[in-house]
Amino acid sequence: MKRFFFLLLGQLCILMAYAQTLQPPEKVYGQLFKDVQMQRIFADGKTFVDCLPKRDPQAIVADYKAKPAAERTKAFLQQFVQANFTVPTPPSVTDQNESGRDVVNHIKKLWSVLKRAPDREEKGSSRLPLPYPYIVPGGRFQEIYYWDSYFTMLGLEESGEWETLENMVKNFAYIINTYGHIPNGSRTYYLSRSQPPFFALMVDLLATRKGEATYKDYGEAMQKEWNYYADKTAPTQHVVKMPDGSTLNRYYDQSDQPRQESYYEDYTLARKYHPEHASTIQRDLRTGAESGMDFSSRWFADGKTLATIQTTNYVPVDLNCLLYHLELALAKSYGLKGEAAKQQDFKNRAAARGKAIEKYCWSPALGFYTDFIISSKKQSTEITLASMAPFFLQVADKSHIEAAANTLQTKFLKAGGFLTSLKNTGEQWDAPNGWAPLEWMAIKGLNNYGQAALAKTAAERWIALNNKVYQSTGKLMEKYNVADTGLEAGGGEYPGQDGFGWTNGVLLKLIGMYGLKK
């Protein structure tokens, strides 16, 4: 046992040392990176940043630089990339059995297909190596993702896959301790941002199996995540001072350059609509990715078009509810450690945050929670299913549930479940799409506040839609069209992906609660 411990410790030390030398593809490949992305060598900009070099990256760059600029045509680039890089090819996860498909068994089999072994060092790779096995979402997403993983873990819990669940929690703790925060995903090009902070909820899940000592075991990692959002370790600019002097938080990517995985799209959009303020819109696009909802009318100044995105100008209700939950988890952790002063401090912080959420994010006029606009000091009039976070995390005043349930019933509920938003903008986090994480948050939130009938209706419709698509295609998708269940979901920067981590997790959990309705 001691030998195993020291081997594991040695592996962790090697990975942490390697992590300090990692650079994103733009830094590694320079002009080659920009040329590949801007000339659209791949239809999906994420493909190149996930490629593995076949030889030393410096040698590849030197050979590329030696080629005269006038001769770096698209045809040459295509040949050069194919000769020097291994292009990722995700494994198929489609059920090929045309009859008698069992969605529950299919998902349980998928865990082994979507599981990845601990990573090893690969020179020139954009992957952030992780020391424990983990589950990827599927499709183009062949690395661990932050908020996706919590919803995937719901299915691992339902399947009894506790070892995998715990390994994923360990990986996230390792990531926090190595980088100071959990990035969007385990790639170098994601390090400038995080995602909705679900780590404390992952600890909650693990604690149901391993007991309250879990909060002590992961207390340091939870504290570091809180420090990141509280601007304690770096000037991350996540903290917002509200008009009454209280503080809440916003999403804020640390870079103002085009996203490397969507370089062409960001670069082109910024210079077409905002050539004099390209860095501003590029940061807001990145920050939209940190929010997890990339993209939605929620973040648009005009409520319609991506070119008006201003994500950094919002105090998001869901982010602050997640931080409220994190503060309560830290209070519990410090209480178990016998540190009464810190326990009380975080209880007080959570209470103050809860009051501020209530004051600035509940809208009697809309009958729903919403975001707060920093520049105008007014509430946003855009409402999305993310506004169910106060009920999901039990921050909301009980008196609001009737109005919120009525809003859900009359505006959001459709044939296949709840809409993500009330607007159809062509963006993937808007109508007519529904997404597993928000469906779960809304259903759980309704149950938390005594709205069991509406929760059951929404859950059964979502289960039926997921199963219908699976029976006809053999696939479980990243998102679904809940308004017209005969059509595929659309919108966004890439085609629909199947796999799919959080869909699998939420569907298994809901089937466990409500049964499989065909």
Protein backbone atom coordinates (compact mmCIF):
# COMPACT_ATOMS: atom_id res chain seq x y z
CA MET A 1 0.00 0.00 0.00
CA LYS A 2 2.87 2.37 0.86
CA ARG A 3 4.52 1.61 -2.46
CA PHE A 4 1.27 2.46 -4.30
CA PHE A 5 0.96 5.71 -2.35
CA PHE A 6 4.47 6.84 -3.21
CA LEU A 7 4.01 5.88 -6.88
CA LEU A 8 0.82 7.93 -7.01
CA LEU A 9 2.50 10.83 -5.23
CA GLY A 10 5.36 10.67 -7.72
CA GLN A 11 2.92 10.70 -10.63
CA LEU A 12 1.15 13.74 -9.19
CA CYS A 13 4.44 15.60 -8.76
CA ILE A 14 5.44 14.85 -12.36
CA LEU A 15 2.07 16.02 -13.68
CA MET A 16 2.17 19.21 -11.60
CA ALA A 17 5.68 20.03 -12.84
CA TYR A 18 4.62 19.34 -16.43
CA ALA A 19 1.52 21.50 -15.96
CA GLN A 20 3.63 24.56 -15.27
CA THR A 21 5.24 24.28 -18.73
CA LEU A 22 2.02 23.93 -20.73
CA GLN A 23 1.15 26.54 -23.32
CA PRO A 24 -1.98 26.91 -25.49
CA PRO A 25 -1.79 26.14 -29.22
CA GLU A 26 -1.60 29.81 -30.25
CA LYS A 27 1.61 30.18 -28.21
CA VAL A 28 3.04 26.86 -29.39
CA TYR A 29 2.35 27.26 -33.11
CA GLY A 30 2.15 31.04 -33.62
CA GLN A 31 1.43 32.03 -37.23
CA LEU A 32 0.76 28.41 -38.20
CA PHE A 33 -2.10 28.33 -35.69
CA LYS A 34 -3.59 31.58 -37.00
CA ASP A 35 -3.31 30.53 -40.63
CA VAL A 36 -4.94 27.14 -40.02
CA GLN A 37 -7.84 28.73 -38.15
CA MET A 38 -8.40 31.72 -40.42
CA GLN A 39 -8.22 29.65 -43.61
CA ARG A 40 -10.73 27.17 -42.16
CA ILE A 41 -8.59 24.09 -42.74
CA PHE A 42 -11.09 22.30 -40.51
CA ALA A 43 -14.83 23.03 -40.45
CA ASP A 44 -14.69 23.00 -36.64
CA GLY A 45 -12.04 25.28 -35.10
CA LYS A 46 -11.71 22.91 -32.14
CA THR A 47 -10.23 20.19 -34.34
CA PHE A 48 -6.82 21.78 -34.83
CA VAL A 49 -6.31 22.82 -31.21
CA ASP A 50 -6.92 19.18 -30.23
CA CYS A 51 -4.51 17.74 -32.82
CA LEU A 52 -1.38 15.93 -31.66
CA PRO A 53 1.92 16.81 -33.36
CA LYS A 54 3.71 13.87 -34.98
CA ARG A 55 7.09 15.37 -34.11
CA ASP A 56 8.66 18.18 -32.09
CA PRO A 57 6.37 21.25 -32.32
CA GLN A 58 9.38 23.57 -32.62
CA ALA A 59 10.58 21.66 -35.67
CA ILE A 60 7.11 21.86 -37.21
CA VAL A 61 7.01 25.62 -36.65
CA ALA A 62 10.52 26.07 -38.06
CA ASP A 63 9.58 24.19 -41.24
CA TYR A 64 6.44 26.27 -41.62
CA LYS A 65 8.32 29.52 -41.18
CA ALA A 66 10.80 28.42 -43.84
CA LYS A 67 8.00 28.33 -46.39
CA PRO A 68 7.55 31.75 -48.08
CA ALA A 69 4.30 33.43 -47.03
CA ALA A 70 3.10 33.66 -50.63
CA GLU A 71 3.26 29.86 -50.91
CA ARG A 72 1.24 29.13 -47.76
CA THR A 73 -1.94 28.46 -49.70
CA LYS A 74 -4.93 26.62 -48.29
CA ALA A 75 -3.97 23.52 -50.27
CA PHE A 76 -0.43 23.65 -48.87
CA LEU A 77 -1.76 24.15 -45.34
CA GLN A 78 -4.06 21.15 -45.65
CA GLN A 79 -1.17 18.95 -46.75
CA PHE A 80 1.17 20.37 -44.11
CA VAL A 81 -1.28 19.74 -41.28
CA GLN A 82 -2.05 16.19 -42.43
CA ALA A 83 1.68 15.44 -42.66
CA ASN A 84 2.56 16.85 -39.26
CA PHE A 85 -0.47 16.28 -37.01
CA THR A 86 -2.71 13.44 -35.91
CA VAL A 87 -6.33 14.57 -36.22
CA PRO A 88 -8.62 13.43 -33.37
CA THR A 89 -11.28 10.85 -34.26
CA PRO A 90 -13.84 10.38 -31.46
CA PRO A 91 -15.11 6.81 -30.98
CA SER A 92 -18.65 6.03 -32.08
CA VAL A 93 -21.23 5.94 -29.31
CA THR A 94 -24.30 5.25 -31.47
CA ASP A 95 -26.32 2.14 -30.59
CA GLN A 96 -26.34 0.09 -33.82
CA ASN A 97 -29.04 -2.31 -32.59
CA GLU A 98 -32.07 -1.35 -34.67
CA SER A 99 -34.66 -3.11 -32.49
CA GLY A 100 -35.25 -3.61 -28.81
CA ARG A 101 -33.13 -0.70 -27.70
CA ASP A 102 -32.94 -0.31 -23.92
CA VAL A 103 -31.83 3.23 -23.09
CA VAL A 104 -30.90 2.46 -19.48
CA ASN A 105 -28.61 -0.42 -20.41
CA HIS A 106 -27.18 1.61 -23.27
CA ILE A 107 -26.19 4.42 -20.90
CA LYS A 108 -24.63 2.03 -18.42
CA LYS A 109 -22.57 0.51 -21.24
CA LEU A 110 -21.58 3.98 -22.40
CA TRP A 111 -19.71 4.75 -19.18
CA SER A 112 -16.88 2.47 -20.32
CA VAL A 113 -16.92 4.03 -23.82
CA LEU A 114 -16.78 7.57 -22.45
CA LYS A 115 -14.23 6.76 -19.73
CA ARG A 116 -10.64 7.88 -20.22
CA ALA A 117 -7.59 6.50 -18.44
CA PRO A 118 -5.27 8.80 -16.46
CA ASP A 119 -3.40 11.03 -18.88
CA ARG A 120 0.27 10.82 -19.73
CA GLU A 121 2.52 13.64 -20.82
CA GLU A 122 2.34 14.28 -24.58
CA LYS A 123 4.60 16.99 -25.94
CA GLY A 124 2.68 19.56 -27.93
CA SER A 125 -0.72 18.36 -26.71
CA SER A 126 -3.27 20.91 -25.51
CA ARG A 127 -4.63 18.39 -23.01
CA LEU A 128 -4.20 19.13 -19.29
CA PRO A 129 -3.11 15.74 -17.96
CA LEU A 130 -5.20 14.30 -15.14
CA PRO A 131 -4.06 11.64 -12.63
CA TYR A 132 -7.32 9.68 -12.30
CA PRO A 133 -9.81 8.13 -14.78
CA TYR A 134 -12.66 10.38 -15.91
CA ILE A 135 -15.73 10.60 -18.15
CA VAL A 136 -15.86 12.85 -21.24
CA PRO A 137 -19.11 14.19 -22.72
CA GLY A 138 -18.62 12.64 -26.18
CA GLY A 139 -18.47 13.87 -29.77
CA ARG A 140 -16.07 16.79 -30.22
CA PHE A 141 -15.67 17.00 -26.44
CA GLN A 142 -12.92 14.48 -25.65
CA GLU A 143 -11.71 16.02 -22.38
CA ILE A 144 -13.31 16.51 -18.99
CA TYR A 145 -15.66 19.52 -18.71
CA TYR A 146 -16.45 21.32 -15.53
CA TRP A 147 -20.17 21.82 -15.05
CA ASP A 148 -21.02 18.97 -17.44
CA SER A 149 -19.38 16.58 -15.01
CA TYR A 150 -21.78 17.22 -12.12
CA PHE A 151 -24.75 16.15 -14.22
CA THR A 152 -22.81 13.18 -15.56
CA MET A 153 -22.12 12.22 -11.94
CA LEU A 154 -25.88 12.05 -11.25
CA GLY A 155 -25.95 9.12 -13.67
CA LEU A 156 -22.81 7.57 -12.22
CA GLU A 157 -24.47 7.71 -8.81
CA GLU A 158 -27.62 6.09 -10.22
CA SER A 159 -25.48 3.38 -11.87
CA GLY A 160 -23.49 2.68 -8.69
CA GLU A 161 -20.28 3.85 -10.40
CA TRP A 162 -18.91 5.34 -7.19
CA GLU A 163 -15.25 4.75 -7.93
CA THR A 164 -15.47 6.70 -11.18
CA LEU A 165 -17.46 9.44 -9.48
CA GLU A 166 -14.86 9.77 -6.74
CA ASN A 167 -12.02 9.77 -9.26
CA MET A 168 -13.63 12.68 -11.05
CA VAL A 169 -13.90 14.63 -7.79
CA LYS A 170 -10.24 13.88 -7.12
CA ASN A 171 -9.34 15.13 -10.59
CA PHE A 172 -11.14 18.41 -10.01
CA ALA A 173 -9.42 18.86 -6.64
CA TYR A 174 -6.09 18.20 -8.38
CA ILE A 175 -6.96 20.78 -11.06
CA ILE A 176 -7.83 23.42 -8.44
CA ASN A 177 -4.62 22.76 -6.53
CA THR A 178 -2.55 22.91 -9.73
CA TYR A 179 -4.10 25.87 -11.54
CA GLY A 180 -5.96 27.75 -8.79
CA HIS A 181 -9.36 27.16 -10.38
CA ILE A 182 -11.23 24.61 -12.47
CA PRO A 183 -11.05 25.65 -16.13
CA ASN A 184 -13.88 25.30 -18.62
CA GLY A 185 -12.35 21.96 -19.68
CA SER A 186 -9.05 20.11 -19.36
CA ARG A 187 -7.29 21.92 -22.22
CA THR A 188 -4.62 24.61 -22.11
CA TYR A 189 -6.78 26.94 -24.18
CA TYR A 190 -9.48 26.87 -21.49
CA LEU A 191 -7.27 28.05 -18.63
CA SER A 192 -8.31 31.70 -18.84
CA ARG A 193 -11.80 30.92 -17.55
CA SER A 194 -13.81 28.60 -15.36
CA GLN A 195 -17.45 27.50 -15.64
CA PRO A 196 -20.46 27.49 -13.28
CA PRO A 197 -18.89 26.38 -9.95
CA PHE A 198 -20.46 22.99 -9.25
CA PHE A 199 -17.52 21.52 -7.33
CA ALA A 200 -19.24 21.82 -3.95
CA LEU A 201 -22.26 19.94 -5.33
CA MET A 202 -19.92 17.19 -6.51
CA VAL A 203 -18.62 16.99 -2.94
CA ASP A 204 -22.25 16.75 -1.78
CA LEU A 205 -22.78 13.74 -4.03
CA LEU A 206 -19.64 12.00 -2.81
CA ALA A 207 -20.55 12.75 0.82
CA THR A 208 -23.77 10.74 0.45
CA ARG A 209 -21.51 7.72 0.01
CA LYS A 210 -18.48 8.51 2.13
CA GLY A 211 -19.96 10.61 4.92
CA GLU A 212 -19.49 14.15 6.19
CA ALA A 213 -15.73 13.79 6.45
CA THR A 214 -15.78 14.38 2.69
CA TYR A 215 -16.34 18.08 3.38
CA LYS A 216 -13.14 18.15 5.42
CA ASP A 217 -11.20 16.22 2.77
CA TYR A 218 -12.11 18.70 0.03
CA GLY A 219 -12.35 21.83 2.14
CA GLU A 220 -9.03 23.25 0.92
CA ALA A 221 -10.00 22.81 -2.72
CA MET A 222 -13.42 24.43 -2.13
CA GLN A 223 -11.69 27.35 -0.39
CA LYS A 224 -9.37 27.84 -3.37
CA GLU A 225 -12.33 27.88 -5.75
CA TRP A 226 -14.05 30.47 -3.58
CA ASN A 227 -10.84 32.54 -3.55
CA TYR A 228 -10.79 32.49 -7.35
CA TYR A 229 -14.28 33.92 -7.66
CA ALA A 230 -13.67 36.31 -4.76
CA ASP A 231 -10.60 37.79 -6.52
CA LYS A 232 -8.41 36.72 -3.60
CA THR A 233 -5.65 35.00 -5.56
CA ALA A 234 -5.55 37.25 -8.64
CA PRO A 235 -7.39 40.32 -9.98
CA THR A 236 -9.90 38.13 -11.84
CA GLN A 237 -12.58 40.87 -11.71
CA HIS A 238 -15.38 38.48 -10.76
CA VAL A 239 -16.53 40.60 -7.80
CA VAL A 240 -19.16 43.32 -8.35
CA LYS A 241 -20.04 45.98 -5.82
CA MET A 242 -23.80 46.47 -5.83
CA PRO A 243 -25.57 49.84 -5.42
CA ASP A 244 -26.18 49.27 -1.69
CA GLY A 245 -22.53 48.33 -1.02
CA SER A 246 -23.09 44.57 -0.90
CA THR A 247 -21.11 42.32 -3.23
CA LEU A 248 -22.16 39.72 -5.77
CA ASN A 249 -20.27 38.08 -8.62
CA ARG A 250 -20.15 37.92 -12.39
CA TYR A 251 -18.47 35.76 -14.98
CA TYR A 252 -15.24 37.22 -16.40
CA ASP A 253 -12.74 35.52 -18.71
CA GLN A 254 -9.14 36.58 -18.09
CA SER A 255 -8.31 36.96 -21.79
CA ASP A 256 -9.60 39.38 -24.41
CA GLN A 257 -8.32 37.42 -27.43
CA PRO A 258 -10.45 35.24 -29.74
CA ARG A 259 -11.21 31.83 -28.25
CA GLN A 260 -8.64 29.47 -29.71
CA GLU A 261 -11.21 26.74 -30.36
CA SER A 262 -13.46 29.29 -32.16
CA TYR A 263 -10.76 31.65 -33.42
CA TYR A 264 -12.22 32.36 -36.85
CA GLU A 265 -15.73 33.00 -35.51
CA ASP A 266 -14.63 35.37 -32.75
CA TYR A 267 -12.05 37.23 -34.82
CA THR A 268 -14.50 37.74 -37.70
CA LEU A 269 -17.46 38.78 -35.56
CA ALA A 270 -15.45 41.26 -33.51
CA ARG A 271 -13.95 42.99 -36.54
CA LYS A 272 -17.18 43.04 -38.52
CA TYR A 273 -19.29 44.73 -35.84
CA HIS A 274 -16.81 46.23 -33.37
CA PRO A 275 -13.46 46.85 -35.12
CA GLU A 276 -12.50 49.56 -32.62
CA HIS A 277 -13.52 47.47 -29.61
CA ALA A 278 -12.58 43.98 -30.74
CA SER A 279 -11.00 43.05 -27.41
CA THR A 280 -14.21 43.94 -25.55
CA ILE A 281 -16.48 41.69 -27.59
CA GLN A 282 -13.87 38.93 -27.61
CA ARG A 283 -13.77 38.94 -23.80
CA ASP A 284 -17.57 38.88 -23.68
CA LEU A 285 -17.67 35.92 -26.05
CA ARG A 286 -15.14 34.12 -23.85
CA THR A 287 -17.12 35.05 -20.77
CA GLY A 288 -20.24 33.64 -22.36
CA ALA A 289 -18.33 30.36 -22.50
CA GLU A 290 -17.46 30.68 -18.80
CA SER A 291 -21.18 31.01 -18.07
CA GLY A 292 -21.79 27.63 -19.73
CA MET A 293 -24.53 29.19 -21.88
CA ASP A 294 -22.59 29.95 -25.05
CA PHE A 295 -24.61 31.56 -26.45
CA SER A 296 -27.99 32.94 -25.47
CA SER A 297 -30.18 36.04 -25.80
CA ARG A 298 -29.64 36.23 -22.04
CA TRP A 299 -26.31 37.95 -22.70
CA PHE A 300 -27.32 40.22 -25.62
CA ALA A 301 -27.86 43.93 -25.12
CA ASP A 302 -30.62 43.91 -27.74
CA GLY A 303 -31.91 40.47 -26.72
CA LYS A 304 -31.52 39.30 -30.31
CA THR A 305 -28.06 39.27 -31.82
CA LEU A 306 -24.70 37.84 -30.82
CA ALA A 307 -22.91 41.01 -31.97
CA THR A 308 -24.41 42.82 -28.94
CA ILE A 309 -23.08 40.32 -26.41
CA GLN A 310 -22.11 41.88 -23.06
CA THR A 311 -21.76 38.96 -20.66
CA THR A 312 -19.40 40.82 -18.33
CA ASN A 313 -22.13 43.44 -17.78
CA TYR A 314 -24.40 41.02 -15.90
CA VAL A 315 -24.61 39.74 -12.35
CA PRO A 316 -25.97 36.24 -13.09
CA VAL A 317 -28.48 34.79 -10.66
CA ASP A 318 -27.31 31.19 -11.14
CA LEU A 319 -23.63 31.96 -10.51
CA ASN A 320 -24.46 33.68 -7.24
CA CYS A 321 -26.69 30.83 -6.10
CA LEU A 322 -23.84 28.40 -6.75
CA LEU A 323 -21.48 30.59 -4.73
CA TYR A 324 -24.10 30.75 -1.95
CA HIS A 325 -24.07 26.96 -1.90
CA LEU A 326 -20.26 26.91 -1.93
CA GLU A 327 -20.17 29.25 1.08
CA LEU A 328 -22.51 26.97 3.02
CA ALA A 329 -20.37 23.95 2.09
CA LEU A 330 -17.29 25.79 3.35
CA ALA A 331 -19.11 26.63 6.58
CA LYS A 332 -19.84 22.93 7.01
CA SER A 333 -16.22 22.03 6.24
CA TYR A 334 -14.81 24.47 8.79
CA GLY A 335 -17.38 23.37 11.36
CA LEU A 336 -16.23 19.77 11.00
CA LYS A 337 -12.63 20.93 11.41
CA GLY A 338 -13.55 22.73 14.63
CA GLU A 339 -12.78 26.19 13.17
CA ALA A 340 -15.81 28.00 14.55
CA ALA A 341 -14.81 31.54 13.49
CA LYS A 342 -14.39 30.56 9.84
CA GLN A 343 -17.57 28.51 10.00
CA GLN A 344 -19.53 31.55 11.15
CA ASP A 345 -17.82 33.80 8.63
CA PHE A 346 -19.00 31.70 5.71
CA LYS A 347 -22.48 31.34 7.18
CA ASN A 348 -22.64 35.13 7.34
CA ARG A 349 -21.34 35.47 3.80
CA ALA A 350 -23.96 33.06 2.50
CA ALA A 351 -26.74 34.88 4.37
CA ALA A 352 -25.62 38.24 2.97
CA ARG A 353 -25.41 36.82 -0.55
CA GLY A 354 -28.88 35.32 -0.22
CA LYS A 355 -30.33 38.70 0.74
CA ALA A 356 -28.57 40.40 -2.18
CA ILE A 357 -29.85 37.78 -4.63
CA GLU A 358 -33.36 38.36 -3.37
CA LYS A 359 -33.03 42.12 -3.61
CA TYR A 360 -31.41 42.37 -7.02
CA CYS A 361 -32.56 39.27 -8.91
CA TRP A 362 -36.20 38.58 -7.99
CA SER A 363 -38.58 40.36 -10.40
CA PRO A 364 -42.21 40.61 -9.26
CA ALA A 365 -43.11 41.97 -12.70
CA LEU A 366 -41.70 38.92 -14.48
CA GLY A 367 -42.71 36.45 -11.80
CA PHE A 368 -39.23 34.98 -12.04
CA TYR A 369 -35.64 35.50 -11.03
CA THR A 370 -33.41 37.26 -13.53
CA ASP A 371 -29.95 38.79 -13.88
CA PHE A 372 -28.87 42.28 -12.82
CA ILE A 373 -27.36 44.66 -15.39
CA ILE A 374 -24.32 46.39 -13.92
CA SER A 375 -24.17 49.47 -16.18
CA SER A 376 -27.84 50.44 -15.97
CA LYS A 377 -28.35 49.22 -12.39
CA LYS A 378 -31.57 47.53 -13.50
CA GLN A 379 -32.83 43.99 -13.78
CA SER A 380 -32.63 42.27 -17.13
CA THR A 381 -35.94 41.57 -18.83
CA GLU A 382 -34.54 38.36 -20.38
CA ILE A 383 -35.53 35.25 -18.45
CA THR A 384 -34.13 31.76 -18.99
CA LEU A 385 -34.45 28.39 -17.32
CA ALA A 386 -31.22 29.20 -15.45
CA SER A 387 -33.41 31.45 -13.33
CA MET A 388 -34.59 28.30 -11.51
CA ALA A 389 -31.21 28.14 -9.76
CA PRO A 390 -32.53 29.85 -6.58
CA PHE A 391 -35.09 27.05 -6.20
CA PHE A 392 -32.61 24.34 -7.14
CA LEU A 393 -30.13 25.56 -4.50
CA GLN A 394 -32.85 26.61 -2.02
CA VAL A 395 -31.93 30.28 -1.92
CA ALA A 396 -35.38 31.46 -3.02
CA ASP A 397 -38.04 32.83 -0.70
CA LYS A 398 -40.90 30.32 -0.46
CA SER A 399 -43.39 33.02 -1.36
CA HIS A 400 -42.06 33.15 -4.93
CA ILE A 401 -42.71 29.57 -5.97
CA GLU A 402 -46.32 30.06 -7.11
CA ALA A 403 -45.38 32.88 -9.48
CA ALA A 404 -42.32 31.02 -10.77
CA ALA A 405 -44.27 27.81 -11.32
CA ASN A 406 -46.91 29.75 -13.24
CA THR A 407 -44.21 31.31 -15.43
CA LEU A 408 -42.78 27.86 -16.12
CA GLN A 409 -46.19 26.35 -16.82
CA THR A 410 -47.42 29.08 -19.16
CA LYS A 411 -44.21 30.16 -20.92
CA PHE A 412 -41.52 27.50 -20.70
CA LEU A 413 -43.28 24.13 -20.70
CA LYS A 414 -43.52 22.49 -24.12
CA ALA A 415 -44.13 19.03 -25.54
CA GLY A 416 -40.61 17.81 -24.76
CA GLY A 417 -39.91 19.64 -21.50
CA PHE A 418 -38.85 23.17 -20.61
CA LEU A 419 -37.48 25.69 -23.09
CA THR A 420 -34.08 27.14 -22.27
CA SER A 421 -35.25 30.68 -23.08
CA LEU A 422 -38.29 32.35 -24.57
CA LYS A 423 -36.53 33.66 -27.69
CA ASN A 424 -35.50 31.91 -30.88
CA THR A 425 -32.32 33.69 -31.97
CA GLY A 426 -30.58 30.82 -33.73
CA GLU A 427 -28.24 30.43 -30.75
CA GLN A 428 -28.08 27.01 -29.13
CA TRP A 429 -28.98 28.15 -25.61
CA ASP A 430 -32.26 29.67 -26.75
CA ALA A 431 -35.65 28.34 -27.87
CA PRO A 432 -36.63 25.87 -29.16
CA ASN A 433 -33.86 23.93 -27.41
CA GLY A 434 -33.85 22.22 -24.06
CA TRP A 435 -30.69 21.12 -22.21
CA ALA A 436 -30.33 18.38 -19.59
CA PRO A 437 -28.59 20.47 -16.88
CA LEU A 438 -31.26 23.18 -16.85
CA GLU A 439 -34.08 20.62 -17.06
CA TRP A 440 -32.65 18.94 -13.95
CA MET A 441 -32.22 22.21 -12.08
CA ALA A 442 -35.80 23.24 -12.83
CA ILE A 443 -37.32 19.84 -11.96
CA LYS A 444 -35.30 19.55 -8.75
CA GLY A 445 -36.11 23.14 -7.84
CA LEU A 446 -39.84 22.56 -8.29
CA ASN A 447 -39.68 19.47 -6.09
CA ASN A 448 -37.72 21.39 -3.44
CA TYR A 449 -40.60 23.87 -3.16
CA GLY A 450 -43.59 21.51 -3.24
CA GLN A 451 -44.44 21.72 -6.96
CA ALA A 452 -44.31 17.96 -7.51
CA ALA A 453 -47.01 17.76 -10.19
CA LEU A 454 -45.36 20.26 -12.56
CA ALA A 455 -41.96 18.67 -11.91
CA LYS A 456 -43.37 15.24 -12.83
CA THR A 457 -45.00 16.55 -16.01
CA ALA A 458 -41.78 18.19 -17.20
CA ALA A 459 -39.66 15.16 -16.28
CA GLU A 460 -41.92 12.69 -18.08
CA ARG A 461 -41.95 14.84 -21.22
CA TRP A 462 -38.16 15.14 -21.17
CA ILE A 463 -37.71 11.39 -20.61
CA ALA A 464 -40.11 10.60 -23.46
CA LEU A 465 -38.31 12.96 -25.86
CA ASN A 466 -34.87 11.60 -25.01
CA ASN A 467 -36.08 8.02 -25.43
CA LYS A 468 -37.93 8.81 -28.66
CA VAL A 469 -34.77 10.21 -30.27
CA TYR A 470 -32.75 7.28 -28.94
CA GLN A 471 -35.20 4.70 -30.29
CA SER A 472 -35.15 6.27 -33.76
CA THR A 473 -31.43 7.10 -34.01
CA GLY A 474 -29.53 5.10 -31.40
CA LYS A 475 -28.15 8.38 -30.05
CA LEU A 476 -28.36 10.46 -26.90
CA MET A 477 -27.85 14.07 -27.83
CA GLU A 478 -26.24 17.13 -26.28
CA LYS A 479 -29.49 19.12 -26.59
CA TYR A 480 -33.06 18.62 -27.85
CA ASN A 481 -35.81 20.55 -29.61
CA VAL A 482 -38.51 20.58 -26.92
CA ALA A 483 -40.98 22.74 -28.86
CA ASP A 484 -41.26 20.43 -31.88
CA THR A 485 -40.19 16.97 -30.85
CA GLY A 486 -40.10 15.83 -34.47
CA LEU A 487 -37.22 18.17 -35.29
CA GLU A 488 -33.57 18.13 -34.25
CA ALA A 489 -32.10 20.80 -32.00
CA GLY A 490 -29.96 23.35 -33.81
CA GLY A 491 -28.10 26.62 -33.48
CA GLY A 492 -24.61 27.33 -32.26
CA GLU A 493 -21.15 27.02 -33.74
CA TYR A 494 -21.02 23.27 -34.36
CA PRO A 495 -23.34 20.38 -35.36
CA GLY A 496 -25.32 18.46 -32.76
CA GLN A 497 -23.13 16.13 -30.68
CA ASP A 498 -24.04 12.71 -29.35
CA GLY A 499 -22.65 10.80 -26.44
CA PHE A 500 -23.63 12.49 -24.26
CA GLY A 501 -22.41 12.89 -20.70
CA TRP A 502 -24.90 15.16 -19.01
CA THR A 503 -27.87 13.88 -21.02
CA ASN A 504 -27.01 10.36 -19.90
CA GLY A 505 -26.65 11.39 -16.27
CA VAL A 506 -29.84 13.41 -15.99
CA LEU A 507 -31.90 10.89 -17.97
CA LEU A 508 -30.81 7.99 -15.73
CA LYS A 509 -31.57 10.01 -12.62
CA LEU A 510 -35.02 11.02 -13.86
CA ILE A 511 -35.88 7.48 -14.98
CA GLY A 512 -34.91 6.35 -11.48
CA MET A 513 -37.34 8.90 -10.05
CA TYR A 514 -40.25 8.64 -12.48
CA GLY A 515 -39.77 5.50 -14.58
CA LEU A 516 -39.34 5.21 -18.34
CA LYS A 517 -42.33 6.67 -20.18
CA LYS A 518 -42.40 5.55 -23.82
